[in-house]
Amino acid sequence: MTILRMVKLALVSAIYIVFTVIVHPLSYGAVQFRFAEILVLLCFFRKDYAYAMILGCFIANLFSPILLYDIAFGTLHTILSVILIGRSKRLWVAALVPVLLMPIIGFELTLALKLPFFLTTLTSMLGEAAVVWLIGYPLFTMLRKNKGFLQLIEAN
């Protein structure tokens, strides 16, 4: 891995952290709109973005009000999501992966905050779907047609 590649991954990780921790206060809790989750779709274009996503998620979760739960379950959700996204053959499937894995977060919030599992899973899934499916999927559908973007992210 080149230094330039590591810098790009570090930058993406930093963007994830900033969007989660600073830009949006709805990144934690029963109703989540973690806009940084859009970035997981980079793993569809190049698998090594998984490192940036996992590190970014882990660091962002250090700022969570349910610290240990979010570090464990939130990072697990991201690890599984980026692995499956990297193996996806279709972008629309990749965009569904993190949504379908949200019961992990529902379970986390049930354990940590004693919230009802099904309701919390539903609200988490809706938030993730709004971000990744309704915003991320159309955005990356457009970006995948842009040669400059594909060169910038070094898509393979």
C-alpha atoms as a PDB file:
ATOM      1  CA  MET A   1       0.000   0.000   0.000  1.00  0.00           C
ATOM      2  CA  THR A   2       1.406   3.373  -1.002  1.00  0.00           C
ATOM      3  CA  ILE A   3       1.637   6.416   1.229  1.00  0.00           C
ATOM      4  CA  LEU A   4      -0.865   8.211  -1.010  1.00  0.00           C
ATOM      5  CA  ARG A   5      -3.330   5.326  -0.571  1.00  0.00           C
ATOM      6  CA  MET A   6      -2.903   5.418   3.210  1.00  0.00           C
ATOM      7  CA  VAL A   7      -3.491   9.184   3.188  1.00  0.00           C
ATOM      8  CA  LYS A   8      -6.708   8.719   1.199  1.00  0.00           C
ATOM      9  CA  LEU A   9      -7.932   6.063   3.624  1.00  0.00           C
ATOM     10  CA  ALA A  10      -7.020   8.238   6.614  1.00  0.00           C
ATOM     11  CA  LEU A  11      -8.865  11.168   5.070  1.00  0.00           C
ATOM     12  CA  VAL A  12     -12.012   9.098   4.521  1.00  0.00           C
ATOM     13  CA  SER A  13     -11.774   7.831   8.097  1.00  0.00           C
ATOM     14  CA  ALA A  14     -11.439  11.410   9.368  1.00  0.00           C
ATOM     15  CA  ILE A  15     -14.457  12.505   7.322  1.00  0.00           C
ATOM     16  CA  TYR A  16     -16.480   9.669   8.867  1.00  0.00           C
ATOM     17  CA  ILE A  17     -15.442  10.778  12.363  1.00  0.00           C
ATOM     18  CA  VAL A  18     -16.210  14.465  11.742  1.00  0.00           C
ATOM     19  CA  PHE A  19     -19.605  13.738  10.180  1.00  0.00           C
ATOM     20  CA  THR A  20     -20.500  11.461  13.075  1.00  0.00           C
ATOM     21  CA  VAL A  21     -19.136  13.349  16.069  1.00  0.00           C
ATOM     22  CA  ILE A  22     -19.188  17.016  15.156  1.00  0.00           C
ATOM     23  CA  VAL A  23     -21.595  17.591  12.315  1.00  0.00           C
ATOM     24  CA  HIS A  24     -24.568  15.552  13.392  1.00  0.00           C
ATOM     25  CA  PRO A  25     -25.859  15.051  16.937  1.00  0.00           C
ATOM     26  CA  LEU A  26     -28.315  12.348  15.815  1.00  0.00           C
ATOM     27  CA  SER A  27     -25.493   9.860  15.306  1.00  0.00           C
ATOM     28  CA  TYR A  28     -26.144   8.097  18.586  1.00  0.00           C
ATOM     29  CA  GLY A  29     -29.265   6.834  20.325  1.00  0.00           C
ATOM     30  CA  ALA A  30     -32.575   5.184  19.479  1.00  0.00           C
ATOM     31  CA  VAL A  31     -33.168   7.211  16.327  1.00  0.00           C
ATOM     32  CA  GLN A  32     -29.979   7.464  14.309  1.00  0.00           C
ATOM     33  CA  PHE A  33     -29.183   9.419  11.183  1.00  0.00           C
ATOM     34  CA  ARG A  34     -25.473   8.787  10.907  1.00  0.00           C
ATOM     35  CA  PHE A  35     -24.798  10.590   7.648  1.00  0.00           C
ATOM     36  CA  ALA A  36     -21.214   9.327   7.602  1.00  0.00           C
ATOM     37  CA  GLU A  37     -22.656   5.885   6.831  1.00  0.00           C
ATOM     38  CA  ILE A  38     -22.993   6.986   3.201  1.00  0.00           C
ATOM     39  CA  LEU A  39     -19.238   6.438   2.978  1.00  0.00           C
ATOM     40  CA  VAL A  40     -19.558   2.672   3.488  1.00  0.00           C
ATOM     41  CA  LEU A  41     -20.585   2.460  -0.156  1.00  0.00           C
ATOM     42  CA  LEU A  42     -16.986   3.306  -1.099  1.00  0.00           C
ATOM     43  CA  CYS A  43     -16.264  -0.325  -0.197  1.00  0.00           C
ATOM     44  CA  PHE A  44     -18.348  -1.367  -3.203  1.00  0.00           C
ATOM     45  CA  PHE A  45     -15.808   0.314  -5.462  1.00  0.00           C
ATOM     46  CA  ARG A  46     -12.677  -0.681  -3.579  1.00  0.00           C
ATOM     47  CA  LYS A  47     -12.502  -3.120  -0.681  1.00  0.00           C
ATOM     48  CA  ASP A  48      -9.690  -1.419   1.228  1.00  0.00           C
ATOM     49  CA  TYR A  49     -12.019   1.437   2.169  1.00  0.00           C
ATOM     50  CA  ALA A  50     -13.192  -1.051   4.790  1.00  0.00           C
ATOM     51  CA  TYR A  51     -10.137  -0.125   6.866  1.00  0.00           C
ATOM     52  CA  ALA A  52     -11.141   3.544   6.795  1.00  0.00           C
ATOM     53  CA  MET A  53     -14.746   2.757   7.704  1.00  0.00           C
ATOM     54  CA  ILE A  54     -13.861   0.436  10.583  1.00  0.00           C
ATOM     55  CA  LEU A  55     -11.302   2.833  12.059  1.00  0.00           C
ATOM     56  CA  GLY A  56     -13.592   5.825  11.575  1.00  0.00           C
ATOM     57  CA  CYS A  57     -16.520   4.042  13.197  1.00  0.00           C
ATOM     58  CA  PHE A  58     -14.408   2.832  16.095  1.00  0.00           C
ATOM     59  CA  ILE A  59     -13.030   6.311  16.826  1.00  0.00           C
ATOM     60  CA  ALA A  60     -16.429   7.983  16.383  1.00  0.00           C
ATOM     61  CA  ASN A  61     -17.917   5.486  18.829  1.00  0.00           C
ATOM     62  CA  LEU A  62     -15.379   6.601  21.451  1.00  0.00           C
ATOM     63  CA  PHE A  63     -17.579   9.703  21.719  1.00  0.00           C
ATOM     64  CA  SER A  64     -20.807   7.753  22.173  1.00  0.00           C
ATOM     65  CA  PRO A  65     -22.848   8.127  25.361  1.00  0.00           C
ATOM     66  CA  ILE A  66     -22.997   4.305  25.476  1.00  0.00           C
ATOM     67  CA  LEU A  67     -19.288   3.963  24.861  1.00  0.00           C
ATOM     68  CA  LEU A  68     -18.506   0.275  25.384  1.00  0.00           C
ATOM     69  CA  TYR A  69     -21.694  -0.920  23.717  1.00  0.00           C
ATOM     70  CA  ASP A  70     -21.164   1.285  20.685  1.00  0.00           C
ATOM     71  CA  ILE A  71     -17.515   0.297  20.387  1.00  0.00           C
ATOM     72  CA  ALA A  72     -18.440  -3.383  20.410  1.00  0.00           C
ATOM     73  CA  PHE A  73     -21.746  -3.540  18.527  1.00  0.00           C
ATOM     74  CA  GLY A  74     -21.408  -0.450  16.331  1.00  0.00           C
ATOM     75  CA  THR A  75     -17.984  -1.492  15.143  1.00  0.00           C
ATOM     76  CA  LEU A  76     -19.197  -5.071  14.597  1.00  0.00           C
ATOM     77  CA  HIS A  77     -22.043  -3.716  12.474  1.00  0.00           C
ATOM     78  CA  THR A  78     -19.566  -1.746  10.379  1.00  0.00           C
ATOM     79  CA  ILE A  79     -17.149  -4.676  10.017  1.00  0.00           C
ATOM     80  CA  LEU A  80     -19.882  -6.994   8.767  1.00  0.00           C
ATOM     81  CA  SER A  81     -21.382  -4.298   6.542  1.00  0.00           C
ATOM     82  CA  VAL A  82     -18.152  -3.386   4.764  1.00  0.00           C
ATOM     83  CA  ILE A  83     -17.169  -7.021   4.232  1.00  0.00           C
ATOM     84  CA  LEU A  84     -20.531  -7.801   2.635  1.00  0.00           C
ATOM     85  CA  ILE A  85     -20.585  -4.539   0.663  1.00  0.00           C
ATOM     86  CA  GLY A  86     -17.137  -5.370  -0.720  1.00  0.00           C
ATOM     87  CA  ARG A  87     -18.484  -8.724  -1.931  1.00  0.00           C
ATOM     88  CA  SER A  88     -21.664  -7.294  -3.453  1.00  0.00           C
ATOM     89  CA  LYS A  89     -22.055  -7.429  -7.216  1.00  0.00           C
ATOM     90  CA  ARG A  90     -24.772  -4.761  -7.388  1.00  0.00           C
ATOM     91  CA  LEU A  91     -24.747  -1.311  -5.805  1.00  0.00           C
ATOM     92  CA  TRP A  92     -28.400  -1.536  -4.741  1.00  0.00           C
ATOM     93  CA  VAL A  93     -27.620  -4.733  -2.816  1.00  0.00           C
ATOM     94  CA  ALA A  94     -24.588  -3.077  -1.223  1.00  0.00           C
ATOM     95  CA  ALA A  95     -26.805  -0.192  -0.092  1.00  0.00           C
ATOM     96  CA  LEU A  96     -29.228  -2.611   1.583  1.00  0.00           C
ATOM     97  CA  VAL A  97     -26.561  -4.491   3.535  1.00  0.00           C
ATOM     98  CA  PRO A  98     -26.066  -2.020   6.431  1.00  0.00           C
ATOM     99  CA  VAL A  99     -29.837  -1.566   6.699  1.00  0.00           C
ATOM    100  CA  LEU A 100     -30.462  -5.303   6.969  1.00  0.00           C
ATOM    101  CA  LEU A 101     -27.758  -5.617   9.638  1.00  0.00           C
ATOM    102  CA  MET A 102     -29.346  -2.975  11.898  1.00  0.00           C
ATOM    103  CA  PRO A 103     -30.798  -5.577  14.286  1.00  0.00           C
ATOM    104  CA  ILE A 104     -27.244  -5.598  15.698  1.00  0.00           C
ATOM    105  CA  ILE A 105     -27.748  -1.965  16.686  1.00  0.00           C
ATOM    106  CA  GLY A 106     -31.280  -2.691  17.907  1.00  0.00           C
ATOM    107  CA  PHE A 107     -29.832  -5.368  20.182  1.00  0.00           C
ATOM    108  CA  GLU A 108     -27.123  -2.983  21.369  1.00  0.00           C
ATOM    109  CA  LEU A 109     -29.649  -0.290  22.266  1.00  0.00           C
ATOM    110  CA  THR A 110     -31.854  -2.838  24.017  1.00  0.00           C
ATOM    111  CA  LEU A 111     -28.907  -3.929  26.164  1.00  0.00           C
ATOM    112  CA  ALA A 112     -27.500  -0.478  26.834  1.00  0.00           C
ATOM    113  CA  LEU A 113     -30.614   1.654  27.161  1.00  0.00           C
ATOM    114  CA  LYS A 114     -33.290  -0.954  27.956  1.00  0.00           C
ATOM    115  CA  LEU A 115     -35.263   0.097  24.879  1.00  0.00           C
ATOM    116  CA  PRO A 116     -37.711  -2.282  23.164  1.00  0.00           C
ATOM    117  CA  PHE A 117     -35.801  -4.388  20.621  1.00  0.00           C
ATOM    118  CA  PHE A 118     -38.280  -4.403  17.723  1.00  0.00           C
ATOM    119  CA  LEU A 119     -39.129  -0.705  17.903  1.00  0.00           C
ATOM    120  CA  THR A 120     -35.488   0.283  18.292  1.00  0.00           C
ATOM    121  CA  THR A 121     -34.450  -1.996  15.433  1.00  0.00           C
ATOM    122  CA  LEU A 122     -37.173  -0.487  13.254  1.00  0.00           C
ATOM    123  CA  THR A 123     -36.181   3.124  14.006  1.00  0.00           C
ATOM    124  CA  SER A 124     -32.499   2.277  13.482  1.00  0.00           C
ATOM    125  CA  MET A 125     -33.274   0.562  10.187  1.00  0.00           C
ATOM    126  CA  LEU A 126     -35.350   3.519   9.013  1.00  0.00           C
ATOM    127  CA  GLY A 127     -32.540   5.947   9.862  1.00  0.00           C
ATOM    128  CA  GLU A 128     -29.946   3.790   8.118  1.00  0.00           C
ATOM    129  CA  ALA A 129     -32.220   3.321   5.099  1.00  0.00           C
ATOM    130  CA  ALA A 130     -32.776   7.074   4.853  1.00  0.00           C
ATOM    131  CA  VAL A 131     -29.051   7.730   4.865  1.00  0.00           C
ATOM    132  CA  VAL A 132     -27.577   4.826   2.891  1.00  0.00           C
ATOM    133  CA  TRP A 133     -30.441   3.809   0.633  1.00  0.00           C
ATOM    134  CA  LEU A 134     -32.330   7.062  -0.042  1.00  0.00           C
ATOM    135  CA  ILE A 135     -29.298   9.388  -0.130  1.00  0.00           C
ATOM    136  CA  GLY A 136     -26.203   7.217  -0.592  1.00  0.00           C
ATOM    137  CA  TYR A 137     -27.469   4.893  -3.304  1.00  0.00           C
ATOM    138  CA  PRO A 138     -28.641   7.654  -5.701  1.00  0.00           C
ATOM    139  CA  LEU A 139     -25.491   9.668  -4.964  1.00  0.00           C
ATOM    140  CA  PHE A 140     -23.137   6.776  -5.748  1.00  0.00           C
ATOM    141  CA  THR A 141     -25.253   5.760  -8.752  1.00  0.00           C
ATOM    142  CA  MET A 142     -24.471   9.181 -10.210  1.00  0.00           C
ATOM    143  CA  LEU A 143     -20.855   9.212  -9.062  1.00  0.00           C
ATOM    144  CA  ARG A 144     -20.082   5.811 -10.590  1.00  0.00           C
ATOM    145  CA  LYS A 145     -20.619   7.413 -14.011  1.00  0.00           C
ATOM    146  CA  ASN A 146     -17.988  10.083 -13.288  1.00  0.00           C
ATOM    147  CA  LYS A 147     -14.526   9.019 -14.439  1.00  0.00           C
ATOM    148  CA  GLY A 148     -12.849  11.673 -12.292  1.00  0.00           C
ATOM    149  CA  PHE A 149     -14.532  10.327  -9.176  1.00  0.00           C
ATOM    150  CA  LEU A 150     -13.593   6.747 -10.014  1.00  0.00           C
ATOM    151  CA  GLN A 151      -9.970   7.802 -10.549  1.00  0.00           C
ATOM    152  CA  LEU A 152      -9.939   9.773  -7.302  1.00  0.00           C
ATOM    153  CA  ILE A 153     -11.115   6.832  -5.220  1.00  0.00           C
ATOM    154  CA  GLU A 154      -8.994   4.451  -7.300  1.00  0.00           C
ATOM    155  CA  ALA A 155     -11.962   2.204  -8.000  1.00  0.00           C
ATOM    156  CA  ASN A 156     -11.178  -1.324  -9.124  1.00  0.00           C
END
